[in-house]
């Protein structure tokens, strides 16, 4: 008589375990869905808030690029995030980034997975830009043919007016970015081996109309070097 009850209990337990994501696989959430605990703002004065389980970044006029940054550093990792852009607001995800008092008065600098959607002639979504240092790393402005091919693929992959899935892998000197499951950039560069993760709201100059971008489902899995 007890055996069916035991099997039922095991089945319920199994469902419970498999429905819990994945700290078993090493994944850890970077955002609790309620507030920005574990994050700190650097750079400009854009507004960051939590709304409907999402981090919302909103532009304000006459301020520098603004970044909501993790309070701890990460070196080797896989990072996943969903992003909802604005057609007139540049954004990005910083990785292995730093803010040092003896470098440009603390300016945030480091690798950025670019999320530009400003009506540019190019669509370099998930290209790698070296914020505050060297500029474009992949693709480069000098290689017109590669840049055009990268842009064509970006137009095909990017979902306007929808959530887009971003994945960034950093291991050793290699950084790779993925947009909606497809590889975008594959960079070898060893300038910065570790640093914080940051969510960017780009400066908008004198534009007074607020514009917002959103992030959700941020999670990270640290890797061995």
N, C-alpha and C. Protein backbone atom coordinates (compact mmCIF):
# COMPACT_ATOMS: atom_id res chain seq x y z
N UNK A 1 0.83 -1.21 0.00
CA UNK A 1 0.00 0.00 0.00
C UNK A 1 0.86 1.26 0.00
N UNK A 2 2.01 1.20 0.59
CA UNK A 2 2.84 2.41 0.68
C UNK A 2 3.63 2.66 -0.60
N UNK A 3 3.78 1.63 -1.45
CA UNK A 3 4.67 1.78 -2.61
C UNK A 3 4.18 2.87 -3.57
N UNK A 4 2.86 2.92 -3.93
CA UNK A 4 2.42 4.00 -4.82
C UNK A 4 2.68 5.38 -4.24
N UNK A 5 2.47 5.51 -2.90
CA UNK A 5 2.72 6.81 -2.28
C UNK A 5 4.19 7.18 -2.38
N UNK A 6 5.07 6.20 -2.19
CA UNK A 6 6.50 6.45 -2.29
C UNK A 6 6.88 6.88 -3.70
N UNK A 7 6.35 6.19 -4.71
CA UNK A 7 6.64 6.54 -6.09
C UNK A 7 6.14 7.93 -6.43
N UNK A 8 4.96 8.27 -5.92
CA UNK A 8 4.42 9.61 -6.15
C UNK A 8 5.31 10.67 -5.54
N UNK A 9 5.80 10.39 -4.33
CA UNK A 9 6.67 11.35 -3.66
C UNK A 9 7.96 11.54 -4.44
N UNK A 10 8.51 10.43 -4.95
CA UNK A 10 9.74 10.52 -5.74
C UNK A 10 9.50 11.33 -7.00
N UNK A 11 8.34 11.12 -7.64
CA UNK A 11 8.03 11.86 -8.87
C UNK A 11 7.93 13.34 -8.60
N UNK A 12 7.24 13.71 -7.51
CA UNK A 12 7.13 15.13 -7.16
C UNK A 12 8.50 15.71 -6.88
N UNK A 13 9.31 14.98 -6.13
CA UNK A 13 10.66 15.46 -5.81
C UNK A 13 11.48 15.67 -7.09
N UNK A 14 11.36 14.72 -8.03
CA UNK A 14 12.12 14.83 -9.28
C UNK A 14 11.70 16.05 -10.06
N UNK A 15 10.39 16.32 -10.13
CA UNK A 15 9.91 17.51 -10.83
C UNK A 15 10.44 18.76 -10.17
N UNK A 16 10.45 18.76 -8.84
CA UNK A 16 10.93 19.94 -8.12
C UNK A 16 12.39 20.20 -8.41
N UNK A 17 13.19 19.18 -8.40
CA UNK A 17 14.62 19.34 -8.63
C UNK A 17 14.89 19.83 -10.04
N UNK A 18 14.24 19.21 -11.04
CA UNK A 18 14.55 19.58 -12.42
C UNK A 18 14.01 20.95 -12.78
N UNK A 19 13.04 21.48 -12.03
CA UNK A 19 12.51 22.80 -12.36
C UNK A 19 13.37 23.92 -11.80
N UNK A 20 14.29 23.60 -10.91
CA UNK A 20 15.17 24.63 -10.35
C UNK A 20 16.33 24.84 -11.29
N UNK A 21 16.61 26.08 -11.77
CA UNK A 21 17.71 26.23 -12.68
C UNK A 21 18.99 26.05 -12.00
N UNK A 22 19.67 26.12 -12.52
CA UNK A 22 20.89 25.57 -12.71
C UNK A 22 22.06 25.89 -11.92
N UNK A 23 21.89 26.20 -10.59
CA UNK A 23 23.13 26.27 -9.85
C UNK A 23 23.83 24.92 -9.89
N UNK A 24 23.08 23.85 -10.16
CA UNK A 24 23.71 22.54 -10.33
C UNK A 24 24.73 22.56 -11.46
N UNK A 25 24.47 23.33 -12.49
CA UNK A 25 25.37 23.42 -13.64
C UNK A 25 26.36 24.57 -13.51
N UNK A 26 26.38 25.20 -12.35
CA UNK A 26 27.32 26.29 -12.13
C UNK A 26 26.79 27.67 -12.46
N UNK A 27 25.56 27.77 -12.95
CA UNK A 27 24.99 29.07 -13.28
C UNK A 27 24.50 29.78 -12.02
N UNK A 28 24.77 31.07 -11.94
CA UNK A 28 24.35 31.90 -10.81
C UNK A 28 23.71 33.17 -11.36
N UNK A 29 22.58 33.55 -10.79
CA UNK A 29 21.92 34.78 -11.22
C UNK A 29 22.70 36.00 -10.74
N UNK A 30 22.83 37.01 -11.60
CA UNK A 30 23.46 38.27 -11.21
C UNK A 30 22.45 39.32 -10.76
N UNK A 31 21.17 39.01 -10.86
CA UNK A 31 20.12 39.99 -10.59
C UNK A 31 18.95 39.27 -9.95
N UNK A 32 18.52 39.78 -8.78
CA UNK A 32 17.47 39.10 -8.03
C UNK A 32 16.06 39.44 -8.49
N UNK A 33 15.92 40.32 -9.48
CA UNK A 33 14.61 40.67 -10.00
C UNK A 33 13.84 41.68 -9.18
N UNK A 34 14.42 42.11 -8.04
CA UNK A 34 13.70 43.01 -7.14
C UNK A 34 14.41 44.35 -6.94
N UNK A 35 15.74 44.31 -6.83
CA UNK A 35 16.51 45.54 -6.62
C UNK A 35 17.90 45.34 -7.22
N UNK A 36 18.74 46.35 -7.10
CA UNK A 36 20.07 46.28 -7.72
C UNK A 36 21.15 45.98 -6.68
N UNK A 37 20.80 45.16 -5.70
CA UNK A 37 21.81 44.68 -4.75
C UNK A 37 22.93 43.99 -5.51
N UNK A 38 24.18 44.29 -5.12
CA UNK A 38 25.33 43.70 -5.79
C UNK A 38 25.82 44.48 -6.99
N UNK A 39 25.17 45.60 -7.27
CA UNK A 39 25.53 46.46 -8.39
C UNK A 39 25.79 47.88 -7.89
N UNK A 40 26.61 48.62 -8.61
CA UNK A 40 26.87 50.02 -8.27
C UNK A 40 27.01 50.83 -9.56
N UNK A 41 26.58 52.08 -9.53
CA UNK A 41 26.63 52.91 -10.73
C UNK A 41 27.95 53.66 -10.83
N UNK A 42 28.49 53.72 -12.05
CA UNK A 42 29.72 54.44 -12.33
C UNK A 42 29.52 55.31 -13.57
N UNK A 43 30.35 56.35 -13.68
CA UNK A 43 30.27 57.21 -14.86
C UNK A 43 29.18 58.25 -14.73
N UNK A 44 28.30 58.32 -15.73
CA UNK A 44 27.27 59.35 -15.79
C UNK A 44 26.09 59.13 -14.87
N UNK A 45 25.06 59.95 -15.09
CA UNK A 45 23.92 60.01 -14.17
C UNK A 45 22.62 59.49 -14.77
N UNK A 46 22.70 58.63 -15.76
CA UNK A 46 21.48 57.99 -16.27
C UNK A 46 20.76 57.28 -15.12
N UNK A 47 19.49 57.06 -15.29
CA UNK A 47 18.67 56.48 -14.23
C UNK A 47 18.56 54.97 -14.42
N UNK A 48 18.84 54.24 -13.36
CA UNK A 48 18.67 52.79 -13.35
C UNK A 48 17.64 52.43 -12.29
N UNK A 49 16.69 51.58 -12.65
CA UNK A 49 15.69 51.12 -11.70
C UNK A 49 15.27 49.70 -12.07
N UNK A 50 14.53 49.08 -11.17
CA UNK A 50 13.99 47.74 -11.41
C UNK A 50 12.49 47.85 -11.63
N UNK A 51 12.02 47.22 -12.69
CA UNK A 51 10.61 47.29 -13.05
C UNK A 51 10.19 45.97 -13.69
N UNK A 52 9.18 45.34 -13.12
CA UNK A 52 8.66 44.08 -13.66
C UNK A 52 9.75 43.01 -13.82
N UNK A 53 10.65 42.96 -12.84
CA UNK A 53 11.70 41.96 -12.88
C UNK A 53 12.79 42.24 -13.90
N UNK A 54 12.88 43.49 -14.35
CA UNK A 54 13.87 43.90 -15.34
C UNK A 54 14.67 45.08 -14.81
N UNK A 55 15.92 45.19 -15.23
CA UNK A 55 16.70 46.40 -14.98
C UNK A 55 16.44 47.35 -16.14
N UNK A 56 16.00 48.56 -15.80
CA UNK A 56 15.67 49.57 -16.81
C UNK A 56 16.68 50.71 -16.69
N UNK A 57 17.34 51.03 -17.79
CA UNK A 57 18.26 52.16 -17.84
C UNK A 57 17.68 53.25 -18.72
N UNK A 58 17.59 54.48 -18.19
CA UNK A 58 16.94 55.58 -18.90
C UNK A 58 17.89 56.76 -19.04
N UNK A 59 17.95 57.31 -20.22
CA UNK A 59 18.86 58.41 -20.51
C UNK A 59 18.42 59.70 -19.82
N UNK A 60 19.40 60.54 -19.52
CA UNK A 60 19.17 61.91 -19.08
C UNK A 60 20.13 62.79 -19.88
N UNK A 61 19.78 64.05 -20.13
CA UNK A 61 20.65 64.90 -20.94
C UNK A 61 21.90 65.34 -20.20
N UNK A 62 22.89 65.72 -20.99
CA UNK A 62 24.10 66.39 -20.49
C UNK A 62 24.85 65.58 -19.43
N UNK A 63 25.03 64.29 -19.70
CA UNK A 63 25.82 63.46 -18.80
C UNK A 63 26.63 62.46 -19.61
N UNK A 64 27.67 61.92 -19.00
CA UNK A 64 28.54 60.97 -19.68
C UNK A 64 27.87 59.61 -19.81
N UNK A 65 28.56 58.70 -20.49
CA UNK A 65 28.11 57.31 -20.51
C UNK A 65 27.96 56.81 -19.08
N UNK A 66 26.87 56.09 -18.83
CA UNK A 66 26.58 55.61 -17.48
C UNK A 66 26.61 54.09 -17.48
N UNK A 67 27.05 53.52 -16.35
CA UNK A 67 27.22 52.08 -16.25
C UNK A 67 26.72 51.59 -14.90
N UNK A 68 25.89 50.55 -14.92
CA UNK A 68 25.53 49.84 -13.70
C UNK A 68 26.42 48.60 -13.65
N UNK A 69 27.27 48.52 -12.63
CA UNK A 69 28.38 47.55 -12.62
C UNK A 69 28.29 46.59 -11.44
N UNK A 70 28.70 45.36 -11.68
CA UNK A 70 28.77 44.40 -10.58
C UNK A 70 29.81 44.85 -9.56
N UNK A 71 29.55 44.56 -8.30
CA UNK A 71 30.49 44.96 -7.25
C UNK A 71 31.70 44.05 -7.17
N UNK A 72 31.67 42.92 -7.83
CA UNK A 72 32.83 42.03 -7.85
C UNK A 72 33.30 41.81 -9.28
N UNK A 73 34.53 41.36 -9.40
CA UNK A 73 35.14 41.13 -10.70
C UNK A 73 34.97 39.68 -11.14
N UNK A 74 35.03 39.48 -12.45
CA UNK A 74 34.98 38.15 -13.04
C UNK A 74 36.06 38.06 -14.11
N UNK A 75 36.69 36.89 -14.21
CA UNK A 75 37.75 36.68 -15.19
C UNK A 75 37.34 35.76 -16.31
N UNK A 76 37.20 34.47 -16.01
CA UNK A 76 36.81 33.46 -16.99
C UNK A 76 35.37 33.05 -16.71
N UNK A 77 34.50 33.18 -17.72
CA UNK A 77 33.08 32.98 -17.46
C UNK A 77 32.29 32.86 -18.76
N UNK A 78 31.05 32.39 -18.60
CA UNK A 78 30.00 32.52 -19.61
C UNK A 78 28.93 33.42 -19.01
N UNK A 79 28.47 34.39 -19.76
CA UNK A 79 27.46 35.34 -19.31
C UNK A 79 26.30 35.32 -20.29
N UNK A 80 25.08 35.26 -19.75
CA UNK A 80 23.89 35.34 -20.59
C UNK A 80 22.98 36.44 -20.08
N UNK A 81 22.35 37.16 -21.01
CA UNK A 81 21.42 38.23 -20.65
C UNK A 81 20.47 38.43 -21.81
N UNK A 82 19.25 38.81 -21.49
CA UNK A 82 18.29 39.22 -22.51
C UNK A 82 18.21 40.74 -22.50
N UNK A 83 18.15 41.33 -23.70
CA UNK A 83 18.22 42.78 -23.86
C UNK A 83 17.10 43.27 -24.76
N UNK A 84 16.46 44.36 -24.34
CA UNK A 84 15.43 45.02 -25.15
C UNK A 84 15.91 46.44 -25.42
N UNK A 85 16.20 46.74 -26.67
CA UNK A 85 16.83 48.01 -27.01
C UNK A 85 15.84 49.11 -27.33
N UNK A 86 16.40 50.27 -27.64
CA UNK A 86 15.65 51.44 -28.09
C UNK A 86 16.29 51.89 -29.40
N UNK A 87 15.49 52.21 -30.43
CA UNK A 87 16.07 52.53 -31.74
C UNK A 87 16.96 53.76 -31.77
N UNK A 88 16.91 54.59 -30.72
CA UNK A 88 17.72 55.82 -30.72
C UNK A 88 18.68 55.90 -29.54
N UNK A 89 18.92 54.78 -28.87
CA UNK A 89 19.79 54.80 -27.69
C UNK A 89 20.84 53.70 -27.78
N UNK A 90 22.08 54.11 -27.74
CA UNK A 90 23.20 53.17 -27.77
C UNK A 90 23.37 52.53 -26.39
N UNK A 91 23.75 51.25 -26.40
CA UNK A 91 23.97 50.54 -25.15
C UNK A 91 25.05 49.49 -25.35
N UNK A 92 25.27 48.68 -24.33
CA UNK A 92 26.25 47.62 -24.41
C UNK A 92 26.41 46.92 -23.08
N UNK A 93 27.12 45.81 -23.10
CA UNK A 93 27.45 45.06 -21.88
C UNK A 93 28.96 45.04 -21.74
N UNK A 94 29.45 45.62 -20.66
CA UNK A 94 30.88 45.62 -20.38
C UNK A 94 31.29 44.30 -19.73
N UNK A 95 32.45 43.78 -20.09
CA UNK A 95 33.04 42.64 -19.39
C UNK A 95 34.52 42.94 -19.15
N UNK A 96 35.06 42.31 -18.12
CA UNK A 96 36.47 42.51 -17.76
C UNK A 96 36.83 44.00 -17.77
N UNK A 97 35.97 44.80 -17.18
CA UNK A 97 36.13 46.25 -17.24
C UNK A 97 36.59 46.80 -15.90
N UNK A 98 37.10 48.03 -15.95
CA UNK A 98 37.69 48.64 -14.76
C UNK A 98 37.34 50.12 -14.69
N UNK A 99 37.45 50.66 -13.48
CA UNK A 99 37.35 52.10 -13.24
C UNK A 99 38.41 52.43 -12.20
N UNK A 100 39.49 53.08 -12.63
CA UNK A 100 40.65 53.32 -11.78
C UNK A 100 40.88 54.81 -11.61
N UNK A 101 41.16 55.26 -10.40
CA UNK A 101 41.33 56.70 -10.18
C UNK A 101 42.47 57.31 -10.97
N UNK A 102 43.49 56.52 -11.29
CA UNK A 102 44.64 57.06 -12.02
C UNK A 102 44.52 56.89 -13.54
N UNK A 103 43.34 56.47 -14.02
CA UNK A 103 43.11 56.37 -15.46
C UNK A 103 41.90 57.22 -15.83
N UNK A 104 42.15 58.35 -16.46
CA UNK A 104 41.09 59.25 -16.94
C UNK A 104 40.05 59.55 -15.86
N UNK A 105 40.55 59.81 -14.65
CA UNK A 105 39.67 60.17 -13.52
C UNK A 105 38.58 59.14 -13.25
N UNK A 106 38.93 57.88 -13.41
CA UNK A 106 37.99 56.81 -13.07
C UNK A 106 37.07 56.40 -14.20
N UNK A 107 37.34 56.84 -15.41
CA UNK A 107 36.46 56.48 -16.52
C UNK A 107 36.38 54.96 -16.68
N UNK A 108 35.16 54.46 -16.85
CA UNK A 108 34.98 53.04 -17.12
C UNK A 108 35.64 52.69 -18.45
N UNK A 109 36.44 51.63 -18.45
CA UNK A 109 37.11 51.20 -19.66
C UNK A 109 37.21 49.69 -19.69
N UNK A 110 37.19 49.15 -20.89
CA UNK A 110 37.29 47.71 -21.05
C UNK A 110 36.43 47.21 -22.19
N UNK A 111 36.36 45.89 -22.30
CA UNK A 111 35.67 45.25 -23.42
C UNK A 111 34.16 45.45 -23.31
N UNK A 112 33.56 45.84 -24.42
CA UNK A 112 32.11 46.02 -24.47
C UNK A 112 31.51 45.20 -25.61
N UNK A 113 30.50 44.42 -25.28
CA UNK A 113 29.66 43.79 -26.29
C UNK A 113 28.67 44.86 -26.75
N UNK A 114 28.89 45.39 -27.93
CA UNK A 114 28.17 46.57 -28.41
C UNK A 114 26.72 46.24 -28.75
N UNK A 115 25.82 47.10 -28.30
CA UNK A 115 24.40 46.97 -28.60
C UNK A 115 23.91 48.29 -29.16
N UNK A 116 24.40 48.65 -30.32
CA UNK A 116 24.04 49.94 -30.90
C UNK A 116 22.85 49.76 -31.83
N UNK A 117 21.88 50.64 -31.67
CA UNK A 117 20.68 50.58 -32.50
C UNK A 117 20.22 52.01 -32.78
N UNK A 118 21.13 52.81 -33.29
CA UNK A 118 20.88 54.24 -33.44
C UNK A 118 20.66 54.66 -34.88
N UNK A 119 20.12 53.79 -35.71
CA UNK A 119 19.93 54.15 -37.10
C UNK A 119 21.24 54.31 -37.84
N UNK A 120 22.27 53.60 -37.38
CA UNK A 120 23.57 53.66 -38.05
C UNK A 120 23.47 52.96 -39.41
N UNK A 121 24.41 53.31 -40.28
CA UNK A 121 24.49 52.59 -41.55
C UNK A 121 24.93 51.15 -41.34
N UNK A 122 25.55 50.89 -40.22
CA UNK A 122 26.03 49.55 -39.91
C UNK A 122 25.18 48.94 -38.80
N UNK A 123 25.20 47.63 -38.72
CA UNK A 123 24.51 46.90 -37.65
C UNK A 123 25.54 45.99 -36.98
N UNK A 124 26.34 46.60 -36.13
CA UNK A 124 27.45 45.88 -35.50
C UNK A 124 27.05 45.34 -34.13
N UNK A 125 25.83 44.84 -34.02
CA UNK A 125 25.37 44.26 -32.77
C UNK A 125 26.31 43.15 -32.32
N UNK A 126 26.71 43.20 -31.06
CA UNK A 126 27.59 42.20 -30.45
C UNK A 126 28.99 42.19 -31.04
N UNK A 127 29.38 43.26 -31.71
CA UNK A 127 30.79 43.46 -31.96
C UNK A 127 31.48 43.82 -30.66
N UNK A 128 32.80 43.78 -30.64
CA UNK A 128 33.55 44.07 -29.41
C UNK A 128 34.25 45.42 -29.55
N UNK A 129 33.87 46.32 -28.66
CA UNK A 129 34.38 47.69 -28.63
C UNK A 129 35.16 47.87 -27.33
N UNK A 130 36.32 48.49 -27.41
CA UNK A 130 37.13 48.73 -26.21
C UNK A 130 36.77 50.11 -25.66
N UNK A 131 35.80 50.13 -24.77
CA UNK A 131 35.28 51.38 -24.19
C UNK A 131 36.38 52.14 -23.46
N UNK A 132 36.52 53.41 -23.78
CA UNK A 132 37.44 54.27 -23.06
C UNK A 132 38.91 54.04 -23.34
N UNK A 133 39.22 53.17 -24.34
CA UNK A 133 40.63 52.88 -24.64
C UNK A 133 40.87 52.92 -26.15
N UNK A 134 40.77 51.76 -26.81
CA UNK A 134 41.24 51.63 -28.19
C UNK A 134 40.16 51.70 -29.24
N UNK A 135 38.90 51.70 -28.83
CA UNK A 135 37.82 51.72 -29.82
C UNK A 135 37.51 50.33 -30.36
N UNK A 136 37.10 50.27 -31.61
CA UNK A 136 36.65 49.00 -32.19
C UNK A 136 37.78 47.99 -32.32
N UNK A 137 37.52 46.78 -31.78
CA UNK A 137 38.47 45.68 -31.87
C UNK A 137 38.02 44.63 -32.89
N UNK A 138 36.71 44.36 -32.91
CA UNK A 138 36.18 43.42 -33.90
C UNK A 138 34.69 43.67 -34.11
N UNK A 139 34.30 44.02 -35.34
CA UNK A 139 35.16 44.30 -36.49
C UNK A 139 35.90 45.62 -36.31
N UNK A 140 36.77 45.94 -37.25
CA UNK A 140 37.49 47.21 -37.20
C UNK A 140 36.98 48.12 -38.32
N UNK A 141 37.11 49.41 -38.10
CA UNK A 141 36.68 50.37 -39.12
C UNK A 141 37.55 50.29 -40.38
N UNK A 142 38.77 49.81 -40.22
CA UNK A 142 39.70 49.77 -41.35
C UNK A 142 39.34 48.67 -42.36
N UNK A 143 38.80 47.55 -41.87
CA UNK A 143 38.47 46.43 -42.75
C UNK A 143 37.02 46.58 -43.22
N UNK A 144 36.83 47.30 -44.32
CA UNK A 144 35.49 47.63 -44.80
C UNK A 144 34.71 46.38 -45.20
N UNK A 145 35.37 45.43 -45.84
CA UNK A 145 34.69 44.24 -46.31
C UNK A 145 34.18 43.39 -45.15
N UNK A 146 35.03 43.18 -44.15
CA UNK A 146 34.61 42.41 -42.98
C UNK A 146 33.51 43.14 -42.22
N UNK A 147 33.63 44.47 -42.13
CA UNK A 147 32.61 45.25 -41.44
C UNK A 147 31.26 45.15 -42.12
N UNK A 148 31.24 45.16 -43.45
CA UNK A 148 29.99 45.06 -44.19
C UNK A 148 29.35 43.69 -43.99
N UNK A 149 30.15 42.64 -44.02
CA UNK A 149 29.63 41.29 -43.80
C UNK A 149 29.08 41.14 -42.38
N UNK A 150 29.79 41.72 -41.42
CA UNK A 150 29.35 41.67 -40.03
C UNK A 150 28.02 42.40 -39.87
N UNK A 151 27.88 43.53 -40.56
CA UNK A 151 26.64 44.31 -40.51
C UNK A 151 25.48 43.55 -41.13
N UNK A 152 25.71 42.90 -42.26
CA UNK A 152 24.64 42.13 -42.91
C UNK A 152 24.13 41.03 -42.00
N UNK A 153 25.05 40.33 -41.32
CA UNK A 153 24.63 39.28 -40.40
C UNK A 153 23.88 39.87 -39.21
N UNK A 154 24.32 41.05 -38.74
CA UNK A 154 23.63 41.70 -37.64
C UNK A 154 22.19 42.05 -37.98
N UNK A 155 21.97 42.54 -39.19
CA UNK A 155 20.61 42.87 -39.63
C UNK A 155 19.72 41.63 -39.64
N UNK A 156 20.30 40.51 -40.03
CA UNK A 156 19.54 39.27 -40.10
C UNK A 156 19.20 38.74 -38.71
N UNK A 157 20.11 38.89 -37.77
CA UNK A 157 19.95 38.26 -36.45
C UNK A 157 19.18 39.11 -35.46
N UNK A 158 19.33 40.43 -35.55
CA UNK A 158 18.74 41.32 -34.55
C UNK A 158 17.22 41.37 -34.69
N UNK A 159 16.51 41.28 -33.57
CA UNK A 159 15.05 41.33 -33.56
C UNK A 159 14.60 42.70 -33.09
N UNK A 160 14.18 43.55 -34.02
CA UNK A 160 13.73 44.88 -33.66
C UNK A 160 12.45 44.81 -32.85
N UNK A 161 12.40 45.60 -31.76
CA UNK A 161 11.20 45.66 -30.94
C UNK A 161 10.92 44.39 -30.17
N UNK A 162 11.95 43.54 -29.97
CA UNK A 162 11.78 42.30 -29.22
C UNK A 162 12.98 42.11 -28.29
N UNK A 163 12.85 41.13 -27.41
CA UNK A 163 13.98 40.73 -26.57
C UNK A 163 14.99 39.97 -27.42
N UNK A 164 16.26 40.29 -27.22
CA UNK A 164 17.35 39.59 -27.89
C UNK A 164 18.23 38.90 -26.86
N UNK A 165 18.67 37.70 -27.19
CA UNK A 165 19.49 36.92 -26.26
C UNK A 165 20.96 37.15 -26.57
N UNK A 166 21.71 37.57 -25.54
CA UNK A 166 23.13 37.87 -25.67
C UNK A 166 23.91 36.86 -24.82
N UNK A 167 24.97 36.34 -25.40
CA UNK A 167 25.85 35.44 -24.65
C UNK A 167 27.29 35.88 -24.87
N UNK A 168 28.06 35.93 -23.80
CA UNK A 168 29.46 36.33 -23.88
C UNK A 168 30.29 35.27 -23.17
N UNK A 169 31.31 34.77 -23.83
CA UNK A 169 32.25 33.83 -23.23
C UNK A 169 33.62 34.49 -23.15
N UNK A 170 34.21 34.46 -21.98
CA UNK A 170 35.56 34.98 -21.79
C UNK A 170 36.39 33.91 -21.10
N UNK A 171 37.45 33.49 -21.75
CA UNK A 171 38.33 32.47 -21.17
C UNK A 171 39.74 32.70 -21.67
N UNK A 172 40.66 32.89 -20.74
CA UNK A 172 42.02 33.21 -21.12
C UNK A 172 42.06 34.52 -21.89
N UNK A 173 42.68 34.51 -23.05
CA UNK A 173 42.76 35.72 -23.87
C UNK A 173 41.67 35.77 -24.95
N UNK A 174 40.71 34.86 -24.87
CA UNK A 174 39.70 34.77 -25.92
C UNK A 174 38.35 35.26 -25.40
N UNK A 175 37.70 36.13 -26.18
CA UNK A 175 36.36 36.61 -25.87
C UNK A 175 35.48 36.36 -27.09
N UNK A 176 34.36 35.69 -26.87
CA UNK A 176 33.41 35.43 -27.96
C UNK A 176 32.04 35.96 -27.58
N UNK A 177 31.34 36.49 -28.56
CA UNK A 177 29.98 36.99 -28.33
C UNK A 177 29.02 36.26 -29.27
N UNK A 178 27.79 36.09 -28.78
CA UNK A 178 26.74 35.43 -29.55
C UNK A 178 25.47 36.27 -29.48
N UNK A 179 24.77 36.35 -30.60
CA UNK A 179 23.49 37.04 -30.68
C UNK A 179 22.43 36.06 -31.13
N UNK A 180 21.44 35.84 -30.25
CA UNK A 180 20.35 34.91 -30.54
C UNK A 180 20.88 33.57 -31.05
N UNK A 181 21.93 33.10 -30.37
CA UNK A 181 22.45 31.76 -30.62
C UNK A 181 23.51 31.65 -31.68
N UNK A 182 23.84 32.74 -32.38
CA UNK A 182 24.83 32.68 -33.45
C UNK A 182 26.09 33.46 -33.08
N UNK A 183 27.25 32.87 -33.35
CA UNK A 183 28.52 33.52 -33.05
C UNK A 183 28.64 34.82 -33.81
N UNK A 184 29.07 35.89 -33.10
CA UNK A 184 29.29 37.18 -33.74
C UNK A 184 30.77 37.55 -33.77
N UNK A 185 31.38 37.74 -32.61
CA UNK A 185 32.78 38.14 -32.55
C UNK A 185 33.59 37.05 -31.86
N UNK A 186 34.83 36.91 -32.29
CA UNK A 186 35.76 35.93 -31.71
C UNK A 186 37.12 36.61 -31.65
N UNK A 187 37.46 37.13 -30.47
CA UNK A 187 38.60 38.01 -30.31
C UNK A 187 39.67 37.38 -29.43
N UNK A 188 40.91 37.51 -29.83
CA UNK A 188 42.06 37.17 -28.99
C UNK A 188 42.71 38.48 -28.53
N UNK A 189 42.69 38.73 -27.23
CA UNK A 189 43.24 39.97 -26.70
C UNK A 189 43.45 39.80 -25.20
N UNK A 190 44.64 40.12 -24.73
CA UNK A 190 44.95 39.85 -23.33
C UNK A 190 45.18 41.08 -22.49
N UNK A 191 44.65 42.24 -22.91
CA UNK A 191 44.95 43.47 -22.18
C UNK A 191 44.39 43.45 -20.76
N UNK A 192 43.16 42.95 -20.60
CA UNK A 192 42.53 42.94 -19.27
C UNK A 192 42.01 41.55 -18.96
N UNK A 193 42.63 40.81 -18.03
CA UNK A 193 42.21 39.44 -17.76
C UNK A 193 40.98 39.31 -16.89
N UNK A 194 40.61 40.37 -16.15
CA UNK A 194 39.42 40.29 -15.30
C UNK A 194 38.92 41.70 -15.02
N UNK A 195 37.70 41.77 -14.54
CA UNK A 195 37.10 43.06 -14.20
C UNK A 195 35.61 42.90 -13.99
N UNK A 196 34.93 44.02 -13.77
CA UNK A 196 33.50 43.95 -13.50
C UNK A 196 32.69 43.81 -14.79
N UNK A 197 31.43 43.47 -14.61
CA UNK A 197 30.45 43.45 -15.69
C UNK A 197 29.60 44.71 -15.55
N UNK A 198 29.30 45.37 -16.66
CA UNK A 198 28.56 46.61 -16.59
C UNK A 198 27.50 46.71 -17.67
N UNK A 199 26.40 47.38 -17.34
CA UNK A 199 25.31 47.63 -18.28
C UNK A 199 25.33 49.11 -18.63
N UNK A 200 25.45 49.42 -19.91
CA UNK A 200 25.67 50.80 -20.34
C UNK A 200 24.39 51.48 -20.82
N UNK A 201 24.23 52.74 -20.39
CA UNK A 201 23.34 53.69 -21.05
C UNK A 201 24.24 54.78 -21.61
N UNK A 202 24.31 54.88 -22.92
CA UNK A 202 25.21 55.84 -23.55
C UNK A 202 24.72 57.27 -23.33
N UNK A 203 25.64 58.20 -23.25
CA UNK A 203 25.27 59.60 -23.17
C UNK A 203 24.50 60.04 -24.41
N UNK A 204 23.58 61.00 -24.24
CA UNK A 204 22.72 61.43 -25.35
C UNK A 204 22.86 62.92 -25.65
N UNK A 205 23.90 63.54 -25.09
CA UNK A 205 24.09 64.97 -25.33
C UNK A 205 22.97 65.79 -24.73
N UNK A 206 22.40 66.68 -25.53
CA UNK A 206 21.36 67.59 -25.04
C UNK A 206 19.94 67.06 -25.24
N UNK A 207 19.79 65.85 -25.73
CA UNK A 207 18.45 65.29 -25.96
C UNK A 207 17.70 65.15 -24.64
N UNK A 208 16.54 65.76 -24.55
CA UNK A 208 15.79 65.79 -23.29
C UNK A 208 14.72 64.70 -23.19
N UNK A 209 14.35 64.10 -24.31
CA UNK A 209 13.32 63.05 -24.27
C UNK A 209 13.92 61.77 -23.70
N UNK A 210 13.38 61.26 -22.59
CA UNK A 210 13.95 60.04 -21.99
C UNK A 210 13.81 58.84 -22.92
N UNK A 211 14.85 58.04 -22.98
CA UNK A 211 14.86 56.80 -23.76
C UNK A 211 15.37 55.69 -22.85
N UNK A 212 14.78 54.51 -22.97
CA UNK A 212 15.11 53.42 -22.05
C UNK A 212 15.50 52.15 -22.78
N UNK A 213 16.40 51.40 -22.15
CA UNK A 213 16.74 50.05 -22.55
C UNK A 213 16.56 49.14 -21.34
N UNK A 214 16.43 47.83 -21.60
CA UNK A 214 16.08 46.90 -20.53
C UNK A 214 16.93 45.63 -20.61
N UNK A 215 17.20 45.09 -19.42
CA UNK A 215 17.92 43.81 -19.32
C UNK A 215 17.15 42.89 -18.37
N UNK A 216 17.18 41.61 -18.63
CA UNK A 216 16.57 40.64 -17.72
C UNK A 216 17.31 39.31 -17.84
N UNK A 217 17.03 38.43 -16.88
CA UNK A 217 17.59 37.07 -16.90
C UNK A 217 19.11 37.07 -17.05
N UNK A 218 19.76 37.87 -16.20
CA UNK A 218 21.22 37.92 -16.21
C UNK A 218 21.76 36.78 -15.36
N UNK A 219 22.60 35.95 -15.95
CA UNK A 219 23.20 34.87 -15.18
C UNK A 219 24.62 34.63 -15.69
N UNK A 220 25.45 34.05 -14.80
CA UNK A 220 26.86 33.84 -15.12
C UNK A 220 27.30 32.47 -14.62
N UNK A 221 28.22 31.87 -15.35
CA UNK A 221 28.85 30.62 -14.94
C UNK A 221 30.35 30.81 -15.05
N UNK A 222 31.03 30.74 -13.92
CA UNK A 222 32.48 30.93 -13.94
C UNK A 222 33.18 29.67 -14.45
N UNK A 223 34.27 29.89 -15.17
CA UNK A 223 35.02 28.82 -15.80
C UNK A 223 36.43 28.76 -15.24
N UNK A 224 37.03 27.61 -15.33
CA UNK A 224 38.44 27.49 -14.97
C UNK A 224 39.29 28.10 -16.08
N UNK A 225 40.37 28.76 -15.68
CA UNK A 225 41.23 29.43 -16.66
C UNK A 225 41.99 28.46 -17.55
